[in-house]
Amino acid sequence: MSYYPNATETGFAFRSSTFSGGNGENCVECAGTAGEVAVRDSKNPTGPALRYEATAFAAFVNAVATDALVPATT
């Protein structure tokens, strides 16, 4: 994972999910290539972004979709 203080530094063109409803609230935007995915808050397009390897991001999305996330312990 890489952190970018300004999402434009990722060099990617971000887009919202087709499920977001277009209101720009409580959504993330994604962008990427076959090898990397960047994610940012739709309410703050010039704010920070996180960039992940595509395989790691796909595993996360799959875990969310299958309710397989395990709560963090302290």
Foldseek 3Di string as FASTA:
>chain_A
DDKDQFQVVVVWDWDWDPPPVPPLPPTWIWTDDQFKIKIDRSVCNGGMIDMDTPVVVVVVVVCVVVVNDDDDDD
